[in-house]
Amino acid sequence: MAIDKLSEKLGITVEKNKHKALIGKDTVNQETVMLVKPQTFMNLSGEAVIDILNFYKETPDKVIVIVDDIDLPLGKVRIKRNIIIAYIC
């Protein structure tokens, strides 16, 4: 739902099916923005992120991951920096 709201607000259509995800890409304030909705099972969503990072030759520090967290009250957001995510094949 967060990606849908961002998509609407930024005017980025998220419908291209590529890299196991629905993707929308455009320029916002002279910066390239890509919105991604993985289409895998939740515990495999990292596969889509890794595929996209590899394809576009980007680094994880360029990624903002939005997840729901049962420990947060409805409508609250927590932002963390410098989280290391390990992906094991």
Protein backbone atom coordinates (compact mmCIF):
# COMPACT_ATOMS: atom_id res chain seq x y z
CA MET A 1 0.00 0.00 0.00
CA ALA A 2 2.92 2.34 0.71
CA ILE A 3 4.28 1.87 -2.82
CA ASP A 4 0.80 2.46 -4.24
CA LYS A 5 0.56 5.77 -2.33
CA LEU A 6 4.08 6.83 -3.41
CA SER A 7 3.25 5.86 -6.98
CA GLU A 8 0.13 8.01 -6.91
CA LYS A 9 1.86 10.97 -5.26
CA LEU A 10 4.90 10.89 -7.57
CA GLY A 11 2.97 10.02 -10.73
CA ILE A 12 5.01 6.86 -11.33
CA THR A 13 3.14 3.94 -12.87
CA VAL A 14 4.22 0.65 -11.27
CA GLU A 15 3.25 -2.08 -13.73
CA LYS A 16 6.28 -3.28 -15.67
CA ASN A 17 6.82 -6.95 -14.73
CA LYS A 18 10.56 -7.54 -14.58
CA HIS A 19 13.05 -9.09 -12.11
CA LYS A 20 10.29 -10.92 -10.21
CA ALA A 21 8.69 -7.56 -9.40
CA LEU A 22 6.37 -4.85 -10.64
CA ILE A 23 8.50 -1.81 -11.37
CA GLY A 24 7.91 1.85 -12.08
CA LYS A 25 10.74 4.27 -12.87
CA ASP A 26 10.83 8.01 -13.49
CA THR A 27 12.72 11.19 -12.63
CA VAL A 28 11.63 13.19 -9.59
CA ASN A 29 13.45 16.45 -8.76
CA GLN A 30 16.24 15.48 -11.15
CA GLU A 31 16.78 12.12 -9.39
CA THR A 32 15.91 8.73 -10.83
CA VAL A 33 13.34 7.00 -8.65
CA MET A 34 12.36 3.35 -9.01
CA LEU A 35 9.38 1.93 -7.12
CA VAL A 36 9.42 -1.85 -6.79
CA LYS A 37 6.77 -4.30 -5.62
CA PRO A 38 8.30 -7.79 -5.40
CA GLN A 39 5.96 -10.49 -6.69
CA THR A 40 7.61 -13.35 -4.82
CA PHE A 41 6.61 -14.82 -1.49
CA MET A 42 7.46 -12.32 1.27
CA ASN A 43 10.44 -14.32 2.55
CA LEU A 44 11.89 -14.40 -1.00
CA SER A 45 11.44 -10.70 -1.82
CA GLY A 46 15.19 -10.20 -1.48
CA GLU A 47 15.61 -12.11 -4.75
CA ALA A 48 13.84 -9.33 -6.64
CA VAL A 49 15.89 -6.64 -4.88
CA ILE A 50 19.18 -8.42 -5.60
CA ASP A 51 18.21 -8.94 -9.27
CA ILE A 52 17.41 -5.24 -9.66
CA LEU A 53 20.58 -4.08 -7.89
CA ASN A 54 22.69 -6.35 -10.08
CA PHE A 55 20.92 -5.37 -13.31
CA TYR A 56 21.24 -1.62 -12.67
CA LYS A 57 24.70 -1.98 -11.06
CA GLU A 58 23.55 -0.20 -7.91
CA THR A 59 24.55 -0.66 -4.29
CA PRO A 60 22.31 -1.48 -1.31
CA ASP A 61 22.80 2.01 0.14
CA LYS A 62 20.53 3.29 -2.66
CA VAL A 63 17.61 1.14 -1.45
CA ILE A 64 14.84 2.00 0.97
CA VAL A 65 12.95 -1.10 2.06
CA ILE A 66 9.41 -0.72 3.37
CA VAL A 67 8.14 -3.58 5.54
CA ASP A 68 5.26 -3.96 7.91
CA ASP A 69 6.20 -4.57 11.52
CA ILE A 70 3.76 -6.07 13.98
CA ASP A 71 5.64 -4.35 16.82
CA LEU A 72 4.71 -0.87 15.53
CA PRO A 73 1.32 0.73 16.10
CA LEU A 74 -0.82 1.21 12.99
CA GLY A 75 0.26 4.30 11.06
CA LYS A 76 3.69 4.62 12.72
CA VAL A 77 6.95 4.45 10.75
CA ARG A 78 10.45 3.61 11.96
CA ILE A 79 13.47 4.44 9.83
CA LYS A 80 16.80 2.67 10.33
CA ARG A 81 20.10 3.39 8.60
CA ASN A 82 23.10 1.18 7.93
CA ILE A 83 21.28 -2.12 8.18
CA ILE A 84 23.22 -4.95 6.59
CA ILE A 85 21.08 -7.49 4.76
CA ALA A 86 22.72 -10.79 3.89
CA TYR A 87 21.40 -12.76 0.95
CA ILE A 88 22.36 -16.41 0.81
CA CYS A 89 21.75 -18.47 -2.33
